[in-house]
Amino acid sequence: MNDFIIIGFRTIFLYVFILIILRMMGKREVGELSVIDIVVFVIMAEVVAVALESPDKKLSHSIFPVLLLLGIQLLTSFLSLKSKKFRDVVDGDPTLIIEDGVIQEEEMRKQRYNLDDLFQQLREQQIGSIKDVSYAYLEPSGNLSVFTHENTQPVLALISDGVIQSRHVKMVGKSEDWLVQELKEQGVVDVGQVFYCSLEKGKLYFQLKKDYQ
């Protein structure tokens, strides 16, 4: 009977405790969880399970790992906010799957993404023909972002947090030299001062970091 009381108390306590921890980790939709988020949640679930299954063990032995996992998650979130390279390593980058009605076979193989998955996700978005698709990106979350020729076309960040995104620059048919020169003509001599930059409707749009505005 005593064990049931302990387990009941721990269940209520851990429910409230984990709820607070998850709130501190920030708002994320399930489909947008990063690899690190998933690893943290899996380990956290195991720690909580041990605490409930072993009422003879100290509760603090379960609280400490959860707090440590919270620290790891907050640290990685901070690093992701400050470093685009770190974000790419942890979360990955969107992959271009369809371009102007042409399926990018090599990219699909790299992502181990098959035609059945592609067609299913196109059907879910009421896309009847590959030819109607101007761009389709496989997001790090596994979702497929589809743009048809009738839609507003996707905008790619040419510069993110002061770092030129070479792959995106190439995808819009430009070069890094062209980008740097265009910024110089608009009074920006250092790419590192740019918070965000994109090419929209043939025109360069950029926003400087707060310290340089």
N, C-alpha and C. Protein backbone atom coordinates (compact mmCIF):
# COMPACT_ATOMS: atom_id res chain seq x y z
N MET A 1 0.83 -1.21 0.00
CA MET A 1 0.00 0.00 0.00
C MET A 1 0.86 1.26 0.00
N ASN A 2 1.94 1.20 0.76
CA ASN A 2 2.85 2.35 0.86
C ASN A 2 3.46 2.66 -0.50
N ASP A 3 3.79 1.59 -1.27
CA ASP A 3 4.37 1.80 -2.61
C ASP A 3 3.38 2.50 -3.53
N PHE A 4 2.10 2.16 -3.42
CA PHE A 4 1.08 2.80 -4.26
C PHE A 4 0.99 4.30 -3.96
N ILE A 5 1.09 4.65 -2.69
CA ILE A 5 1.05 6.06 -2.31
C ILE A 5 2.24 6.81 -2.89
N ILE A 6 3.42 6.18 -2.78
CA ILE A 6 4.64 6.80 -3.32
C ILE A 6 4.55 6.96 -4.84
N ILE A 7 4.09 5.91 -5.52
CA ILE A 7 3.96 5.96 -6.98
C ILE A 7 2.93 7.02 -7.39
N GLY A 8 1.83 7.09 -6.65
CA GLY A 8 0.80 8.09 -6.95
C GLY A 8 1.34 9.50 -6.80
N PHE A 9 2.06 9.74 -5.70
CA PHE A 9 2.66 11.06 -5.46
C PHE A 9 3.66 11.41 -6.56
N ARG A 10 4.50 10.42 -6.92
CA ARG A 10 5.52 10.67 -7.94
C ARG A 10 4.88 10.94 -9.31
N THR A 11 3.80 10.24 -9.59
CA THR A 11 3.12 10.44 -10.87
C THR A 11 2.61 11.87 -10.98
N ILE A 12 1.95 12.34 -9.95
CA ILE A 12 1.42 13.71 -9.96
C ILE A 12 2.56 14.73 -10.02
N PHE A 13 3.58 14.50 -9.17
CA PHE A 13 4.71 15.43 -9.13
C PHE A 13 5.44 15.49 -10.47
N LEU A 14 5.73 14.31 -11.04
CA LEU A 14 6.47 14.27 -12.31
C LEU A 14 5.64 14.82 -13.46
N TYR A 15 4.32 14.64 -13.40
CA TYR A 15 3.45 15.22 -14.42
C TYR A 15 3.59 16.74 -14.44
N VAL A 16 3.48 17.35 -13.28
CA VAL A 16 3.60 18.81 -13.17
C VAL A 16 5.02 19.25 -13.52
N PHE A 17 6.00 18.49 -13.03
CA PHE A 17 7.41 18.83 -13.25
C PHE A 17 7.77 18.78 -14.74
N ILE A 18 7.38 17.70 -15.43
CA ILE A 18 7.68 17.56 -16.85
C ILE A 18 6.92 18.61 -17.66
N LEU A 19 5.70 18.93 -17.25
CA LEU A 19 4.91 19.96 -17.93
C LEU A 19 5.64 21.30 -17.88
N ILE A 20 6.19 21.63 -16.73
CA ILE A 20 6.95 22.88 -16.58
C ILE A 20 8.21 22.84 -17.45
N ILE A 21 8.90 21.69 -17.44
CA ILE A 21 10.13 21.54 -18.24
C ILE A 21 9.83 21.74 -19.72
N LEU A 22 8.75 21.13 -20.21
CA LEU A 22 8.40 21.24 -21.62
C LEU A 22 8.03 22.67 -21.99
N ARG A 23 7.37 23.37 -21.07
CA ARG A 23 7.03 24.77 -21.31
C ARG A 23 8.30 25.61 -21.42
N MET A 24 9.29 25.28 -20.60
CA MET A 24 10.56 26.02 -20.62
C MET A 24 11.34 25.75 -21.90
N MET A 25 11.12 24.58 -22.50
CA MET A 25 11.83 24.24 -23.73
C MET A 25 11.30 25.01 -24.93
N GLY A 26 10.13 25.61 -24.81
CA GLY A 26 9.60 26.41 -25.90
C GLY A 26 8.53 25.68 -26.68
N LYS A 27 7.81 26.45 -27.50
CA LYS A 27 6.69 25.90 -28.27
C LYS A 27 7.19 25.31 -29.58
N ARG A 28 6.85 24.07 -29.82
CA ARG A 28 7.18 23.38 -31.07
C ARG A 28 6.03 22.47 -31.44
N GLU A 29 5.66 22.45 -32.70
CA GLU A 29 4.71 21.45 -33.16
C GLU A 29 5.44 20.11 -33.25
N VAL A 30 4.67 19.03 -33.10
CA VAL A 30 5.28 17.70 -33.10
C VAL A 30 6.06 17.46 -34.38
N GLY A 31 5.52 17.90 -35.52
CA GLY A 31 6.19 17.70 -36.81
C GLY A 31 7.43 18.54 -36.99
N GLU A 32 7.65 19.49 -36.08
CA GLU A 32 8.80 20.39 -36.20
C GLU A 32 9.89 20.08 -35.18
N LEU A 33 9.76 18.98 -34.48
CA LEU A 33 10.77 18.63 -33.49
C LEU A 33 12.09 18.31 -34.18
N SER A 34 13.17 18.83 -33.62
CA SER A 34 14.49 18.54 -34.16
C SER A 34 14.96 17.18 -33.63
N VAL A 35 16.06 16.69 -34.17
CA VAL A 35 16.62 15.42 -33.71
C VAL A 35 16.97 15.50 -32.23
N ILE A 36 17.53 16.62 -31.82
CA ILE A 36 17.91 16.79 -30.41
C ILE A 36 16.67 16.78 -29.53
N ASP A 37 15.59 17.44 -29.96
CA ASP A 37 14.35 17.44 -29.19
C ASP A 37 13.84 16.01 -28.97
N ILE A 38 13.85 15.23 -30.03
CA ILE A 38 13.35 13.86 -29.95
C ILE A 38 14.21 13.02 -29.00
N VAL A 39 15.54 13.16 -29.11
CA VAL A 39 16.45 12.42 -28.22
C VAL A 39 16.20 12.81 -26.76
N VAL A 40 16.03 14.11 -26.51
CA VAL A 40 15.77 14.59 -25.15
C VAL A 40 14.47 14.00 -24.60
N PHE A 41 13.42 13.99 -25.43
CA PHE A 41 12.14 13.48 -24.98
C PHE A 41 12.18 11.97 -24.71
N VAL A 42 12.90 11.23 -25.56
CA VAL A 42 13.00 9.78 -25.37
C VAL A 42 13.72 9.46 -24.06
N ILE A 43 14.86 10.13 -23.84
CA ILE A 43 15.61 9.88 -22.60
C ILE A 43 14.79 10.32 -21.38
N MET A 44 14.11 11.44 -21.52
CA MET A 44 13.29 11.95 -20.41
C MET A 44 12.20 10.94 -20.05
N ALA A 45 11.60 10.35 -21.06
CA ALA A 45 10.55 9.35 -20.81
C ALA A 45 11.11 8.14 -20.07
N GLU A 46 12.34 7.73 -20.44
CA GLU A 46 12.96 6.59 -19.77
C GLU A 46 13.27 6.91 -18.31
N VAL A 47 13.74 8.13 -18.06
CA VAL A 47 14.06 8.55 -16.69
C VAL A 47 12.81 8.56 -15.82
N VAL A 48 11.72 9.10 -16.37
CA VAL A 48 10.46 9.15 -15.63
C VAL A 48 9.94 7.73 -15.37
N ALA A 49 10.08 6.85 -16.35
CA ALA A 49 9.62 5.47 -16.19
C ALA A 49 10.36 4.78 -15.04
N VAL A 50 11.66 4.99 -14.96
CA VAL A 50 12.46 4.40 -13.88
C VAL A 50 11.99 4.93 -12.53
N ALA A 51 11.68 6.24 -12.47
CA ALA A 51 11.24 6.84 -11.21
C ALA A 51 9.92 6.24 -10.74
N LEU A 52 9.03 5.90 -11.68
CA LEU A 52 7.73 5.33 -11.31
C LEU A 52 7.81 3.84 -11.01
N GLU A 53 8.72 3.17 -11.71
CA GLU A 53 8.84 1.72 -11.52
C GLU A 53 9.68 1.34 -10.31
N SER A 54 10.45 2.29 -9.80
CA SER A 54 11.35 1.99 -8.66
C SER A 54 11.08 2.97 -7.52
N PRO A 55 9.98 2.80 -6.78
CA PRO A 55 9.65 3.72 -5.69
C PRO A 55 10.67 3.72 -4.56
N ASP A 56 11.54 2.70 -4.53
CA ASP A 56 12.56 2.63 -3.48
C ASP A 56 13.74 3.55 -3.75
N LYS A 57 13.87 4.02 -5.00
CA LYS A 57 14.97 4.90 -5.36
C LYS A 57 14.59 6.36 -5.11
N LYS A 58 15.60 7.16 -4.80
CA LYS A 58 15.36 8.57 -4.51
C LYS A 58 14.82 9.30 -5.74
N LEU A 59 13.84 10.16 -5.54
CA LEU A 59 13.24 10.93 -6.63
C LEU A 59 14.24 11.91 -7.23
N SER A 60 15.16 12.37 -6.39
CA SER A 60 16.17 13.33 -6.87
C SER A 60 17.06 12.72 -7.94
N HIS A 61 17.21 11.38 -7.93
CA HIS A 61 18.03 10.72 -8.94
C HIS A 61 17.37 10.79 -10.32
N SER A 62 16.07 11.05 -10.35
CA SER A 62 15.37 11.22 -11.62
C SER A 62 15.23 12.70 -11.99
N ILE A 63 15.10 13.55 -10.99
CA ILE A 63 14.95 14.99 -11.24
C ILE A 63 16.22 15.57 -11.85
N PHE A 64 17.38 15.13 -11.34
CA PHE A 64 18.65 15.68 -11.82
C PHE A 64 18.87 15.43 -13.32
N PRO A 65 18.67 14.18 -13.82
CA PRO A 65 18.86 13.96 -15.27
C PRO A 65 17.92 14.80 -16.13
N VAL A 66 16.69 14.99 -15.66
CA VAL A 66 15.73 15.79 -16.42
C VAL A 66 16.20 17.25 -16.49
N LEU A 67 16.68 17.78 -15.37
CA LEU A 67 17.20 19.15 -15.36
C LEU A 67 18.44 19.26 -16.25
N LEU A 68 19.26 18.22 -16.26
CA LEU A 68 20.45 18.21 -17.11
C LEU A 68 20.04 18.20 -18.58
N LEU A 69 19.01 17.42 -18.92
CA LEU A 69 18.50 17.39 -20.29
C LEU A 69 17.93 18.74 -20.69
N LEU A 70 17.26 19.40 -19.75
CA LEU A 70 16.75 20.75 -20.02
C LEU A 70 17.90 21.70 -20.34
N GLY A 71 18.98 21.60 -19.56
CA GLY A 71 20.16 22.44 -19.81
C GLY A 71 20.75 22.19 -21.18
N ILE A 72 20.84 20.91 -21.57
CA ILE A 72 21.36 20.57 -22.90
C ILE A 72 20.48 21.14 -24.00
N GLN A 73 19.16 21.00 -23.83
CA GLN A 73 18.23 21.48 -24.85
C GLN A 73 18.28 23.00 -24.97
N LEU A 74 18.35 23.71 -23.84
CA LEU A 74 18.43 25.18 -23.87
C LEU A 74 19.75 25.64 -24.49
N LEU A 75 20.83 24.90 -24.21
CA LEU A 75 22.13 25.25 -24.79
C LEU A 75 22.12 25.08 -26.30
N THR A 76 21.58 23.95 -26.76
CA THR A 76 21.54 23.72 -28.21
C THR A 76 20.61 24.71 -28.90
N SER A 77 19.53 25.11 -28.22
CA SER A 77 18.62 26.11 -28.78
C SER A 77 19.33 27.45 -28.93
N PHE A 78 20.15 27.79 -27.93
CA PHE A 78 20.92 29.05 -27.98
C PHE A 78 21.94 29.01 -29.12
N LEU A 79 22.64 27.88 -29.24
CA LEU A 79 23.64 27.74 -30.31
C LEU A 79 22.97 27.78 -31.68
N SER A 80 21.78 27.18 -31.79
CA SER A 80 21.05 27.20 -33.05
C SER A 80 20.64 28.61 -33.43
N LEU A 81 20.29 29.40 -32.41
CA LEU A 81 19.89 30.78 -32.65
C LEU A 81 21.05 31.63 -33.13
N LYS A 82 22.25 31.32 -32.63
CA LYS A 82 23.43 32.13 -32.93
C LYS A 82 24.20 31.65 -34.16
N SER A 83 24.08 30.37 -34.51
CA SER A 83 24.91 29.82 -35.58
C SER A 83 24.09 29.08 -36.62
N LYS A 84 24.13 29.58 -37.86
CA LYS A 84 23.44 28.89 -38.97
C LYS A 84 24.09 27.54 -39.25
N LYS A 85 25.41 27.45 -39.13
CA LYS A 85 26.11 26.19 -39.38
C LYS A 85 25.67 25.14 -38.38
N PHE A 86 25.51 25.55 -37.12
CA PHE A 86 25.07 24.60 -36.09
C PHE A 86 23.65 24.14 -36.40
N ARG A 87 22.78 25.06 -36.83
CA ARG A 87 21.40 24.70 -37.19
C ARG A 87 21.39 23.68 -38.32
N ASP A 88 22.25 23.87 -39.31
CA ASP A 88 22.29 22.96 -40.44
C ASP A 88 22.73 21.56 -40.01
N VAL A 89 23.69 21.51 -39.07
CA VAL A 89 24.18 20.21 -38.58
C VAL A 89 23.10 19.49 -37.78
N VAL A 90 22.42 20.24 -36.91
CA VAL A 90 21.44 19.64 -36.01
C VAL A 90 20.10 19.39 -36.70
N ASP A 91 19.58 20.41 -37.37
CA ASP A 91 18.24 20.32 -37.95
C ASP A 91 18.23 19.94 -39.42
N GLY A 92 19.36 20.16 -40.10
CA GLY A 92 19.39 19.90 -41.53
C GLY A 92 18.86 21.08 -42.32
N ASP A 93 18.89 20.96 -43.64
CA ASP A 93 18.48 22.03 -44.53
C ASP A 93 17.42 21.48 -45.48
N PRO A 94 16.46 22.30 -45.91
CA PRO A 94 15.46 21.81 -46.87
C PRO A 94 16.13 21.27 -48.14
N THR A 95 15.56 20.22 -48.71
CA THR A 95 16.09 19.61 -49.92
C THR A 95 15.13 19.84 -51.08
N LEU A 96 15.66 20.34 -52.19
CA LEU A 96 14.84 20.57 -53.38
C LEU A 96 14.54 19.24 -54.05
N ILE A 97 13.27 18.85 -54.06
CA ILE A 97 12.86 17.56 -54.60
C ILE A 97 12.32 17.68 -56.03
N ILE A 98 11.59 18.77 -56.30
CA ILE A 98 11.05 19.02 -57.64
C ILE A 98 11.40 20.44 -58.05
N GLU A 99 11.89 20.60 -59.26
CA GLU A 99 12.19 21.93 -59.80
C GLU A 99 11.62 22.03 -61.21
N ASP A 100 10.69 22.96 -61.39
CA ASP A 100 10.03 23.17 -62.69
C ASP A 100 9.50 21.86 -63.29
N GLY A 101 8.82 21.07 -62.45
CA GLY A 101 8.20 19.85 -62.93
C GLY A 101 9.13 18.68 -63.11
N VAL A 102 10.38 18.84 -62.71
CA VAL A 102 11.37 17.76 -62.86
C VAL A 102 11.75 17.23 -61.49
N ILE A 103 11.57 15.94 -61.26
CA ILE A 103 11.93 15.31 -59.99
C ILE A 103 13.45 15.16 -59.90
N GLN A 104 14.01 15.61 -58.79
CA GLN A 104 15.46 15.54 -58.58
C GLN A 104 15.81 14.17 -57.99
N GLU A 105 16.08 13.21 -58.87
CA GLU A 105 16.29 11.82 -58.47
C GLU A 105 17.46 11.67 -57.50
N GLU A 106 18.56 12.35 -57.80
CA GLU A 106 19.75 12.21 -56.94
C GLU A 106 19.48 12.70 -55.52
N GLU A 107 18.76 13.83 -55.40
CA GLU A 107 18.45 14.37 -54.08
C GLU A 107 17.52 13.42 -53.32
N MET A 108 16.59 12.80 -54.04
CA MET A 108 15.69 11.85 -53.39
C MET A 108 16.45 10.65 -52.84
N ARG A 109 17.43 10.18 -53.59
CA ARG A 109 18.23 9.05 -53.13
C ARG A 109 19.03 9.42 -51.88
N LYS A 110 19.57 10.63 -51.87
CA LYS A 110 20.35 11.09 -50.71
C LYS A 110 19.49 11.11 -49.45
N GLN A 111 18.23 11.49 -49.61
CA GLN A 111 17.33 11.61 -48.46
C GLN A 111 16.56 10.31 -48.18
N ARG A 112 16.84 9.26 -49.01
CA ARG A 112 16.12 7.99 -48.88
C ARG A 112 14.61 8.23 -48.90
N TYR A 113 14.22 9.01 -49.88
CA TYR A 113 12.82 9.45 -50.05
C TYR A 113 12.32 8.87 -51.36
N ASN A 114 11.28 8.04 -51.30
CA ASN A 114 10.86 7.33 -52.51
C ASN A 114 9.66 8.00 -53.19
N LEU A 115 9.35 7.52 -54.39
CA LEU A 115 8.27 8.11 -55.18
C LEU A 115 6.91 7.94 -54.53
N ASP A 116 6.69 6.82 -53.85
CA ASP A 116 5.42 6.61 -53.17
C ASP A 116 5.17 7.69 -52.11
N ASP A 117 6.22 8.00 -51.35
CA ASP A 117 6.10 9.06 -50.34
C ASP A 117 5.83 10.41 -51.01
N LEU A 118 6.54 10.67 -52.10
CA LEU A 118 6.38 11.94 -52.81
C LEU A 118 4.95 12.11 -53.32
N PHE A 119 4.45 11.10 -54.01
CA PHE A 119 3.11 11.20 -54.59
C PHE A 119 2.03 11.27 -53.51
N GLN A 120 2.25 10.57 -52.41
CA GLN A 120 1.28 10.64 -51.31
C GLN A 120 1.19 12.06 -50.77
N GLN A 121 2.35 12.68 -50.54
CA GLN A 121 2.34 14.03 -49.99
C GLN A 121 1.82 15.06 -51.00
N LEU A 122 2.02 14.81 -52.28
CA LEU A 122 1.45 15.69 -53.29
C LEU A 122 -0.07 15.56 -53.31
N ARG A 123 -0.57 14.33 -53.20
CA ARG A 123 -2.02 14.12 -53.17
C ARG A 123 -2.65 14.79 -51.96
N GLU A 124 -1.95 14.73 -50.83
CA GLU A 124 -2.47 15.35 -49.61
C GLU A 124 -2.61 16.86 -49.77
N GLN A 125 -1.86 17.44 -50.69
CA GLN A 125 -1.96 18.87 -50.95
C GLN A 125 -2.73 19.18 -52.24
N GLN A 126 -3.49 18.17 -52.71
CA GLN A 126 -4.34 18.31 -53.89
C GLN A 126 -3.55 18.71 -55.14
N ILE A 127 -2.34 18.19 -55.27
CA ILE A 127 -1.53 18.42 -56.47
C ILE A 127 -1.69 17.20 -57.37
N GLY A 128 -2.29 17.40 -58.54
CA GLY A 128 -2.59 16.27 -59.41
C GLY A 128 -1.50 15.91 -60.39
N SER A 129 -0.61 16.86 -60.70
CA SER A 129 0.42 16.59 -61.70
C SER A 129 1.75 17.21 -61.30
N ILE A 130 2.82 16.45 -61.55
CA ILE A 130 4.17 16.94 -61.28
C ILE A 130 4.44 18.21 -62.09
N LYS A 131 3.87 18.28 -63.30
CA LYS A 131 4.13 19.42 -64.18
C LYS A 131 3.60 20.74 -63.61
N ASP A 132 2.64 20.64 -62.68
CA ASP A 132 2.09 21.85 -62.06
C ASP A 132 3.02 22.43 -60.99
N VAL A 133 4.01 21.64 -60.59
CA VAL A 133 4.88 22.04 -59.47
C VAL A 133 6.08 22.82 -59.99
N SER A 134 6.26 24.02 -59.45
CA SER A 134 7.45 24.80 -59.79
C SER A 134 8.61 24.42 -58.85
N TYR A 135 8.30 24.34 -57.55
CA TYR A 135 9.31 23.92 -56.57
C TYR A 135 8.63 23.09 -55.48
N ALA A 136 9.31 22.05 -55.04
CA ALA A 136 8.86 21.27 -53.89
C ALA A 136 10.07 20.97 -53.02
N TYR A 137 9.97 21.33 -51.75
CA TYR A 137 11.08 21.15 -50.82
C TYR A 137 10.71 20.14 -49.74
N LEU A 138 11.61 19.20 -49.50
CA LEU A 138 11.45 18.28 -48.38
C LEU A 138 12.08 18.95 -47.16
N GLU A 139 11.24 19.32 -46.21
CA GLU A 139 11.71 20.05 -45.03
C GLU A 139 12.40 19.10 -44.05
N PRO A 140 13.24 19.64 -43.15
CA PRO A 140 13.89 18.79 -42.14
C PRO A 140 12.88 18.02 -41.28
N SER A 141 11.67 18.55 -41.14
CA SER A 141 10.64 17.88 -40.35
C SER A 141 10.04 16.69 -41.07
N GLY A 142 10.32 16.56 -42.40
CA GLY A 142 9.75 15.48 -43.19
C GLY A 142 8.53 15.92 -43.99
N ASN A 143 8.06 17.15 -43.74
CA ASN A 143 6.94 17.68 -44.51
C ASN A 143 7.41 18.12 -45.89
N LEU A 144 6.49 18.11 -46.85
CA LEU A 144 6.79 18.54 -48.21
C LEU A 144 6.13 19.89 -48.46
N SER A 145 6.93 20.90 -48.75
CA SER A 145 6.42 22.23 -49.08
C SER A 145 6.36 22.36 -50.60
N VAL A 146 5.15 22.57 -51.12
CA VAL A 146 4.94 22.56 -52.57
C VAL A 146 4.48 23.93 -53.06
N PHE A 147 5.10 24.39 -54.15
CA PHE A 147 4.71 25.63 -54.80
C PHE A 147 4.37 25.33 -56.25
N THR A 148 3.19 25.74 -56.67
CA THR A 148 2.81 25.56 -58.07
C THR A 148 3.13 26.83 -58.84
N HIS A 149 3.02 26.77 -60.16
CA HIS A 149 3.34 27.93 -60.99
C HIS A 149 2.39 29.09 -60.72
N GLU A 150 1.22 28.79 -60.17
CA GLU A 150 0.24 29.84 -59.90
C GLU A 150 0.49 30.51 -58.55
N ASN A 151 1.27 29.87 -57.68
CA ASN A 151 1.53 30.42 -56.35
C ASN A 151 2.65 31.46 -56.38
N THR A 152 2.73 32.23 -55.29
CA THR A 152 3.92 33.04 -55.05
C THR A 152 5.09 32.10 -54.84
N GLN A 153 6.18 32.36 -55.53
CA GLN A 153 7.32 31.43 -55.49
C GLN A 153 8.10 31.54 -54.18
N PRO A 154 8.75 30.45 -53.77
CA PRO A 154 9.46 30.44 -52.49
C PRO A 154 10.64 31.42 -52.48
N VAL A 155 10.87 31.97 -51.31
CA VAL A 155 11.99 32.91 -51.12
C VAL A 155 13.10 32.19 -50.37
N LEU A 156 14.31 32.23 -50.91
CA LEU A 156 15.46 31.59 -50.27
C LEU A 156 16.34 32.65 -49.63
N ALA A 157 16.83 32.36 -48.45
CA ALA A 157 17.75 33.28 -47.77
C ALA A 157 19.12 33.18 -48.42
N LEU A 158 19.55 34.26 -49.06
CA LEU A 158 20.89 34.29 -49.66
C LEU A 158 21.96 34.57 -48.61
N ILE A 159 21.54 35.31 -47.58
CA ILE A 159 22.42 35.57 -46.43
C ILE A 159 21.61 35.35 -45.17
N SER A 160 22.14 34.60 -44.24
CA SER A 160 21.47 34.34 -42.98
C SER A 160 22.46 34.57 -41.83
N ASP A 161 22.14 35.51 -40.96
CA ASP A 161 23.02 35.83 -39.81
C ASP A 161 24.43 36.17 -40.26
N GLY A 162 24.55 36.92 -41.36
CA GLY A 162 25.86 37.37 -41.82
C GLY A 162 26.65 36.35 -42.61
N VAL A 163 26.06 35.20 -42.92
CA VAL A 163 26.75 34.14 -43.65
C VAL A 163 26.06 33.91 -45.00
N ILE A 164 26.82 33.97 -46.08
CA ILE A 164 26.27 33.72 -47.41
C ILE A 164 25.90 32.26 -47.55
N GLN A 165 24.68 32.01 -48.01
CA GLN A 165 24.20 30.64 -48.23
C GLN A 165 24.48 30.28 -49.69
N SER A 166 25.67 29.74 -49.92
CA SER A 166 26.16 29.49 -51.28
C SER A 166 25.20 28.65 -52.11
N ARG A 167 24.63 27.63 -51.51
CA ARG A 167 23.72 26.75 -52.25
C ARG A 167 22.49 27.50 -52.72
N HIS A 168 21.97 28.38 -51.87
CA HIS A 168 20.79 29.16 -52.23
C HIS A 168 21.11 30.17 -53.32
N VAL A 169 22.29 30.77 -53.22
CA VAL A 169 22.71 31.74 -54.24
C VAL A 169 22.78 31.06 -55.60
N LYS A 170 23.33 29.87 -55.62
CA LYS A 170 23.43 29.11 -56.87
C LYS A 170 22.06 28.72 -57.40
N MET A 171 21.14 28.39 -56.50
CA MET A 171 19.80 27.96 -56.90
C MET A 171 19.01 29.09 -57.57
N VAL A 172 19.29 30.34 -57.21
CA VAL A 172 18.58 31.46 -57.85
C VAL A 172 19.31 31.96 -59.09
N GLY A 173 20.36 31.23 -59.46
CA GLY A 173 21.06 31.55 -60.70
C GLY A 173 22.03 32.72 -60.59
N LYS A 174 22.52 32.98 -59.39
CA LYS A 174 23.46 34.08 -59.18
C LYS A 174 24.77 33.54 -58.60
N SER A 175 25.72 34.45 -58.43
CA SER A 175 27.01 34.08 -57.85
C SER A 175 27.26 34.90 -56.58
N GLU A 176 28.18 34.44 -55.76
CA GLU A 176 28.51 35.17 -54.54
C GLU A 176 29.12 36.53 -54.87
N ASP A 177 29.93 36.59 -55.92
CA ASP A 177 30.52 37.87 -56.33
C ASP A 177 29.43 38.86 -56.71
N TRP A 178 28.42 38.37 -57.43
CA TRP A 178 27.30 39.24 -57.80
C TRP A 178 26.59 39.77 -56.57
N LEU A 179 26.38 38.90 -55.59
CA LEU A 179 25.68 39.28 -54.37
C LEU A 179 26.46 40.34 -53.60
N VAL A 180 27.75 40.11 -53.44
CA VAL A 180 28.59 41.06 -52.71
C VAL A 180 28.61 42.41 -53.41
N GLN A 181 28.71 42.40 -54.75
CA GLN A 181 28.74 43.65 -55.51
C GLN A 181 27.42 44.40 -55.40
N GLU A 182 26.31 43.66 -55.46
CA GLU A 182 24.99 44.30 -55.34
C GLU A 182 24.83 44.97 -53.98
N LEU A 183 25.32 44.32 -52.94
CA LEU A 183 25.23 44.90 -51.59
C LEU A 183 26.10 46.15 -51.48
N LYS A 184 27.29 46.11 -52.09
CA LYS A 184 28.18 47.28 -52.06
C LYS A 184 27.52 48.47 -52.73
N GLU A 185 26.82 48.21 -53.83
CA GLU A 185 26.15 49.30 -54.55
C GLU A 185 25.03 49.91 -53.71
N GLN A 186 24.55 49.15 -52.74
CA GLN A 186 23.50 49.66 -51.86
C GLN A 186 24.05 50.08 -50.50
N GLY A 187 25.38 50.22 -50.42
CA GLY A 187 26.03 50.78 -49.24
C GLY A 187 26.43 49.79 -48.17
N VAL A 188 26.35 48.49 -48.47
CA VAL A 188 26.75 47.47 -47.49
C VAL A 188 28.09 46.88 -47.91
N VAL A 189 29.14 47.21 -47.17
CA VAL A 189 30.49 46.77 -47.55
C VAL A 189 30.89 45.47 -46.86
N ASP A 190 30.17 45.09 -45.81
CA ASP A 190 30.52 43.88 -45.07
C ASP A 190 29.30 42.96 -44.98
N VAL A 191 29.40 41.77 -45.55
CA VAL A 191 28.30 40.81 -45.53
C VAL A 191 27.92 40.45 -44.09
N GLY A 192 28.90 40.48 -43.20
CA GLY A 192 28.67 40.13 -41.81
C GLY A 192 27.69 41.06 -41.11
N GLN A 193 27.41 42.22 -41.71
CA GLN A 193 26.47 43.17 -41.12
C GLN A 193 25.01 42.84 -41.47
N VAL A 194 24.83 41.91 -42.41
CA VAL A 194 23.49 41.60 -42.92
C VAL A 194 22.85 40.47 -42.10
N PHE A 195 21.67 40.75 -41.59
CA PHE A 195 20.93 39.75 -40.83
C PHE A 195 20.20 38.79 -41.76
N TYR A 196 19.61 39.34 -42.82
CA TYR A 196 18.85 38.52 -43.75
C TYR A 196 18.88 39.19 -45.12
N CYS A 197 18.99 38.36 -46.17
CA CYS A 197 18.99 38.88 -47.53
C CYS A 197 18.35 37.85 -48.46
N SER A 198 17.53 38.34 -49.39
CA SER A 198 16.89 37.44 -50.34
C SER A 198 16.68 38.17 -51.67
N LEU A 199 16.39 37.40 -52.69
CA LEU A 199 16.08 37.95 -54.02
C LEU A 199 14.60 37.73 -54.26
N GLU A 200 13.85 38.83 -54.31
CA GLU A 200 12.40 38.75 -54.46
C GLU A 200 11.95 39.57 -55.66
N LYS A 201 11.31 38.89 -56.61
CA LYS A 201 10.81 39.53 -57.84
C LYS A 201 11.92 40.28 -58.57
N GLY A 202 13.09 39.64 -58.57
CA GLY A 202 14.23 40.20 -59.30
C GLY A 202 14.97 41.30 -58.57
N LYS A 203 14.53 41.65 -57.37
CA LYS A 203 15.18 42.71 -56.61
C LYS A 203 15.75 42.16 -55.31
N LEU A 204 16.90 42.74 -54.92
CA LEU A 204 17.57 42.29 -53.70
C LEU A 204 16.93 42.96 -52.49
N TYR A 205 16.51 42.16 -51.55
CA TYR A 205 15.95 42.67 -50.31
C TYR A 205 16.85 42.22 -49.16
N PHE A 206 17.19 43.16 -48.27
CA PHE A 206 18.04 42.78 -47.14
C PHE A 206 17.67 43.57 -45.90
N GLN A 207 18.04 43.02 -44.77
CA GLN A 207 17.83 43.66 -43.48
C GLN A 207 19.13 43.56 -42.69
N LEU A 208 19.61 44.70 -42.23
CA LEU A 208 20.86 44.73 -41.47
C LEU A 208 20.63 44.26 -40.03
N LYS A 209 21.69 43.77 -39.41
CA LYS A 209 21.61 43.43 -37.99
C LYS A 209 21.33 44.69 -37.18
N LYS A 210 20.74 44.49 -36.02
CA LYS A 210 20.31 45.63 -35.21
C LYS A 210 21.44 46.61 -34.92
N ASP A 211 22.63 46.10 -34.68
CA ASP A 211 23.77 46.96 -34.35
C ASP A 211 24.22 47.85 -35.51
N TYR A 212 23.80 47.51 -36.74
CA TYR A 212 24.24 48.26 -37.91
C TYR A 212 23.13 49.05 -38.59
N GLN A 213 21.93 49.03 -37.98
CA GLN A 213 20.81 49.76 -38.57
C GLN A 213 20.90 51.24 -38.27
